[in-house]
Amino acid sequence: MDIYPLVLLGLIALILLAVSAGAVYSVVSRKKAFNAIVAKNVAVKPLNYDDWLAKRIAANQRKAKAIAEFQALSELNNDFNAVIEGE
């Protein structure tokens, strides 16, 4: 085998090694930066957290009200069925 293909394979291997080392380094360095930010802001929450929480509470209250109304109507329907069937 000539030296030219070996040199090309060596360069390709060197480039792949450099790219993979750069990728590993960037992941590790970003992880350190992310951990520093998380340590600085222990309670990470979105900027509109209060609005979101108020909307979720309102939605849960509407849901609970709808469930209670449905249960009341279901009981009323059962009572009507009992009267109709003559029990």
N, C-alpha and C. Protein backbone atom coordinates (compact mmCIF):
# COMPACT_ATOMS: atom_id res chain seq x y z
N MET A 1 0.86 -1.18 0.00
CA MET A 1 0.00 0.00 0.00
C MET A 1 0.89 1.23 0.00
N ASP A 2 0.50 2.18 -0.80
CA ASP A 2 1.28 3.41 -0.89
C ASP A 2 1.16 4.23 0.38
N ILE A 3 1.97 5.23 0.50
CA ILE A 3 1.96 6.10 1.68
C ILE A 3 0.82 7.11 1.61
N TYR A 4 0.38 7.46 0.40
CA TYR A 4 -0.67 8.47 0.25
C TYR A 4 -2.00 8.07 0.93
N PRO A 5 -2.51 6.86 0.69
CA PRO A 5 -3.74 6.47 1.37
C PRO A 5 -3.56 6.38 2.89
N LEU A 6 -2.37 5.96 3.35
CA LEU A 6 -2.13 5.91 4.79
C LEU A 6 -2.13 7.31 5.40
N VAL A 7 -1.57 8.27 4.69
CA VAL A 7 -1.56 9.65 5.17
C VAL A 7 -2.99 10.18 5.22
N LEU A 8 -3.78 9.90 4.20
CA LEU A 8 -5.18 10.34 4.19
C LEU A 8 -5.96 9.70 5.34
N LEU A 9 -5.78 8.41 5.56
CA LEU A 9 -6.46 7.74 6.67
C LEU A 9 -6.01 8.32 8.02
N GLY A 10 -4.74 8.61 8.13
CA GLY A 10 -4.22 9.21 9.36
C GLY A 10 -4.81 10.59 9.60
N LEU A 11 -4.92 11.40 8.55
CA LEU A 11 -5.52 12.74 8.68
C LEU A 11 -7.01 12.65 9.04
N ILE A 12 -7.70 11.71 8.40
CA ILE A 12 -9.12 11.53 8.72
C ILE A 12 -9.27 11.11 10.17
N ALA A 13 -8.44 10.19 10.63
CA ALA A 13 -8.51 9.75 12.01
C ALA A 13 -8.18 10.90 12.97
N LEU A 14 -7.20 11.71 12.62
CA LEU A 14 -6.84 12.85 13.45
C LEU A 14 -7.97 13.87 13.52
N ILE A 15 -8.61 14.13 12.39
CA ILE A 15 -9.74 15.07 12.36
C ILE A 15 -10.91 14.54 13.17
N LEU A 16 -11.22 13.25 13.03
CA LEU A 16 -12.31 12.65 13.81
C LEU A 16 -12.00 12.69 15.30
N LEU A 17 -10.75 12.45 15.66
CA LEU A 17 -10.35 12.51 17.06
C LEU A 17 -10.50 13.93 17.61
N ALA A 18 -10.10 14.92 16.81
CA ALA A 18 -10.21 16.32 17.24
C ALA A 18 -11.67 16.73 17.38
N VAL A 19 -12.51 16.31 16.45
CA VAL A 19 -13.93 16.66 16.51
C VAL A 19 -14.59 16.01 17.72
N SER A 20 -14.30 14.74 17.95
CA SER A 20 -14.90 14.07 19.10
C SER A 20 -14.39 14.66 20.42
N ALA A 21 -13.12 15.01 20.49
CA ALA A 21 -12.58 15.64 21.70
C ALA A 21 -13.23 17.00 21.92
N GLY A 22 -13.43 17.75 20.85
CA GLY A 22 -14.10 19.05 20.96
C GLY A 22 -15.54 18.90 21.41
N ALA A 23 -16.22 17.89 20.92
CA ALA A 23 -17.61 17.66 21.33
C ALA A 23 -17.67 17.29 22.81
N VAL A 24 -16.79 16.42 23.25
CA VAL A 24 -16.77 16.05 24.67
C VAL A 24 -16.44 17.25 25.53
N TYR A 25 -15.47 18.04 25.11
CA TYR A 25 -15.10 19.23 25.89
C TYR A 25 -16.25 20.22 25.97
N SER A 26 -16.96 20.44 24.86
CA SER A 26 -18.06 21.40 24.88
C SER A 26 -19.20 20.92 25.78
N VAL A 27 -19.47 19.61 25.76
CA VAL A 27 -20.51 19.08 26.62
C VAL A 27 -20.13 19.24 28.09
N VAL A 28 -18.90 18.94 28.42
CA VAL A 28 -18.45 19.05 29.81
C VAL A 28 -18.44 20.50 30.25
N SER A 29 -17.96 21.40 29.40
CA SER A 29 -17.90 22.81 29.81
C SER A 29 -19.30 23.41 29.92
N ARG A 30 -20.20 23.04 29.07
CA ARG A 30 -21.58 23.54 29.19
C ARG A 30 -22.24 22.99 30.44
N LYS A 31 -21.94 21.75 30.79
CA LYS A 31 -22.52 21.15 31.99
C LYS A 31 -22.07 21.91 33.23
N LYS A 32 -20.81 22.30 33.26
CA LYS A 32 -20.31 23.07 34.40
C LYS A 32 -21.01 24.42 34.47
N ALA A 33 -21.20 25.08 33.34
CA ALA A 33 -21.88 26.37 33.32
C ALA A 33 -23.34 26.21 33.76
N PHE A 34 -23.98 25.16 33.29
CA PHE A 34 -25.37 24.91 33.68
C PHE A 34 -25.48 24.64 35.17
N ASN A 35 -24.57 23.85 35.70
CA ASN A 35 -24.58 23.57 37.14
C ASN A 35 -24.34 24.83 37.95
N ALA A 36 -23.51 25.73 37.44
CA ALA A 36 -23.27 26.99 38.14
C ALA A 36 -24.53 27.85 38.16
N ILE A 37 -25.26 27.87 37.06
CA ILE A 37 -26.50 28.63 37.00
C ILE A 37 -27.54 28.02 37.93
N VAL A 38 -27.64 26.70 37.93
CA VAL A 38 -28.61 26.04 38.80
C VAL A 38 -28.26 26.27 40.26
N ALA A 39 -26.98 26.24 40.58
CA ALA A 39 -26.58 26.48 41.97
C ALA A 39 -26.89 27.92 42.37
N LYS A 40 -26.77 28.84 41.43
CA LYS A 40 -27.06 30.25 41.72
C LYS A 40 -28.55 30.46 41.91
N ASN A 41 -29.35 29.86 41.06
CA ASN A 41 -30.80 29.97 41.13
C ASN A 41 -31.35 28.63 41.57
N VAL A 42 -31.46 28.43 42.85
CA VAL A 42 -31.87 27.13 43.37
C VAL A 42 -33.28 26.79 42.91
N ALA A 43 -34.19 27.74 43.00
CA ALA A 43 -35.57 27.50 42.58
C ALA A 43 -35.75 28.08 41.18
N VAL A 44 -35.51 27.26 40.17
CA VAL A 44 -35.65 27.71 38.79
C VAL A 44 -37.11 27.58 38.41
N LYS A 45 -37.72 28.69 38.02
CA LYS A 45 -39.11 28.66 37.57
C LYS A 45 -39.28 29.68 36.46
N PRO A 46 -40.26 29.50 35.59
CA PRO A 46 -40.44 30.41 34.47
C PRO A 46 -40.83 31.81 34.95
N LEU A 47 -40.63 32.77 34.07
CA LEU A 47 -40.93 34.16 34.42
C LEU A 47 -42.41 34.39 34.69
N ASN A 48 -43.26 33.67 33.98
CA ASN A 48 -44.71 33.84 34.16
C ASN A 48 -45.29 32.78 35.08
N TYR A 49 -44.54 32.33 36.07
CA TYR A 49 -44.97 31.25 36.95
C TYR A 49 -46.22 31.62 37.74
N ASP A 50 -46.28 32.86 38.24
CA ASP A 50 -47.44 33.27 39.03
C ASP A 50 -48.71 33.26 38.19
N ASP A 51 -48.62 33.76 36.95
CA ASP A 51 -49.79 33.73 36.06
C ASP A 51 -50.20 32.30 35.75
N TRP A 52 -49.20 31.47 35.47
CA TRP A 52 -49.48 30.07 35.15
C TRP A 52 -50.14 29.38 36.35
N LEU A 53 -49.62 29.64 37.55
CA LEU A 53 -50.18 29.02 38.75
C LEU A 53 -51.62 29.47 38.98
N ALA A 54 -51.88 30.77 38.79
CA ALA A 54 -53.25 31.27 38.96
C ALA A 54 -54.20 30.62 37.95
N LYS A 55 -53.75 30.47 36.72
CA LYS A 55 -54.59 29.83 35.69
C LYS A 55 -54.84 28.36 36.03
N ARG A 56 -53.82 27.64 36.52
CA ARG A 56 -53.99 26.24 36.88
C ARG A 56 -54.96 26.08 38.04
N ILE A 57 -54.85 26.97 39.05
CA ILE A 57 -55.76 26.90 40.19
C ILE A 57 -57.19 27.16 39.74
N ALA A 58 -57.37 28.18 38.88
CA ALA A 58 -58.72 28.49 38.37
C ALA A 58 -59.26 27.32 37.55
N ALA A 59 -58.42 26.71 36.73
CA ALA A 59 -58.86 25.57 35.92
C ALA A 59 -59.23 24.39 36.81
N ASN A 60 -58.45 24.15 37.84
CA ASN A 60 -58.77 23.05 38.75
C ASN A 60 -60.07 23.31 39.51
N GLN A 61 -60.32 24.57 39.88
CA GLN A 61 -61.58 24.89 40.55
C GLN A 61 -62.77 24.69 39.62
N ARG A 62 -62.62 25.12 38.36
CA ARG A 62 -63.70 24.90 37.38
C ARG A 62 -63.94 23.42 37.17
N LYS A 63 -62.88 22.66 37.11
CA LYS A 63 -63.00 21.21 36.92
C LYS A 63 -63.72 20.57 38.11
N ALA A 64 -63.33 20.96 39.31
CA ALA A 64 -63.98 20.40 40.50
C ALA A 64 -65.45 20.78 40.55
N LYS A 65 -65.79 22.02 40.14
CA LYS A 65 -67.18 22.46 40.12
C LYS A 65 -67.98 21.65 39.09
N ALA A 66 -67.40 21.44 37.92
CA ALA A 66 -68.08 20.67 36.89
C ALA A 66 -68.31 19.23 37.33
N ILE A 67 -67.33 18.64 38.01
CA ILE A 67 -67.48 17.27 38.49
C ILE A 67 -68.59 17.20 39.54
N ALA A 68 -68.62 18.18 40.45
CA ALA A 68 -69.67 18.19 41.48
C ALA A 68 -71.05 18.35 40.86
N GLU A 69 -71.17 19.23 39.85
CA GLU A 69 -72.46 19.42 39.18
C GLU A 69 -72.88 18.13 38.46
N PHE A 70 -71.93 17.48 37.82
CA PHE A 70 -72.25 16.24 37.12
C PHE A 70 -72.71 15.17 38.10
N GLN A 71 -72.05 15.06 39.25
CA GLN A 71 -72.46 14.07 40.24
C GLN A 71 -73.85 14.37 40.78
N ALA A 72 -74.14 15.67 40.99
CA ALA A 72 -75.47 16.04 41.49
C ALA A 72 -76.53 15.71 40.45
N LEU A 73 -76.26 16.02 39.19
CA LEU A 73 -77.22 15.69 38.13
C LEU A 73 -77.38 14.18 37.97
N SER A 74 -76.30 13.45 38.15
CA SER A 74 -76.39 11.99 38.06
C SER A 74 -77.28 11.43 39.17
N GLU A 75 -77.11 11.95 40.39
CA GLU A 75 -77.96 11.51 41.49
C GLU A 75 -79.42 11.88 41.24
N LEU A 76 -79.65 13.09 40.70
CA LEU A 76 -81.01 13.50 40.39
C LEU A 76 -81.61 12.60 39.31
N ASN A 77 -80.83 12.25 38.32
CA ASN A 77 -81.28 11.36 37.27
C ASN A 77 -81.62 9.98 37.85
N ASN A 78 -80.83 9.50 38.77
CA ASN A 78 -81.12 8.21 39.41
C ASN A 78 -82.42 8.27 40.19
N ASP A 79 -82.65 9.42 40.88
CA ASP A 79 -83.90 9.58 41.62
C ASP A 79 -85.10 9.58 40.67
N PHE A 80 -84.99 10.30 39.53
CA PHE A 80 -86.08 10.32 38.55
C PHE A 80 -86.35 8.93 38.00
N ASN A 81 -85.27 8.20 37.72
CA ASN A 81 -85.45 6.83 37.21
C ASN A 81 -86.15 5.95 38.24
N ALA A 82 -85.80 6.13 39.51
CA ALA A 82 -86.46 5.33 40.56
C ALA A 82 -87.94 5.68 40.65
N VAL A 83 -88.28 6.96 40.50
CA VAL A 83 -89.71 7.38 40.56
C VAL A 83 -90.45 6.82 39.35
N ILE A 84 -89.83 6.91 38.18
CA ILE A 84 -90.47 6.43 36.95
C ILE A 84 -90.71 4.92 37.01
N GLU A 85 -89.74 4.19 37.53
CA GLU A 85 -89.88 2.74 37.60
C GLU A 85 -90.77 2.30 38.76
N GLY A 86 -91.16 3.25 39.61
CA GLY A 86 -92.12 2.97 40.65
C GLY A 86 -91.54 2.35 41.90
N GLU A 87 -90.31 2.64 42.18
CA GLU A 87 -89.72 2.07 43.40
C GLU A 87 -90.06 2.89 44.60
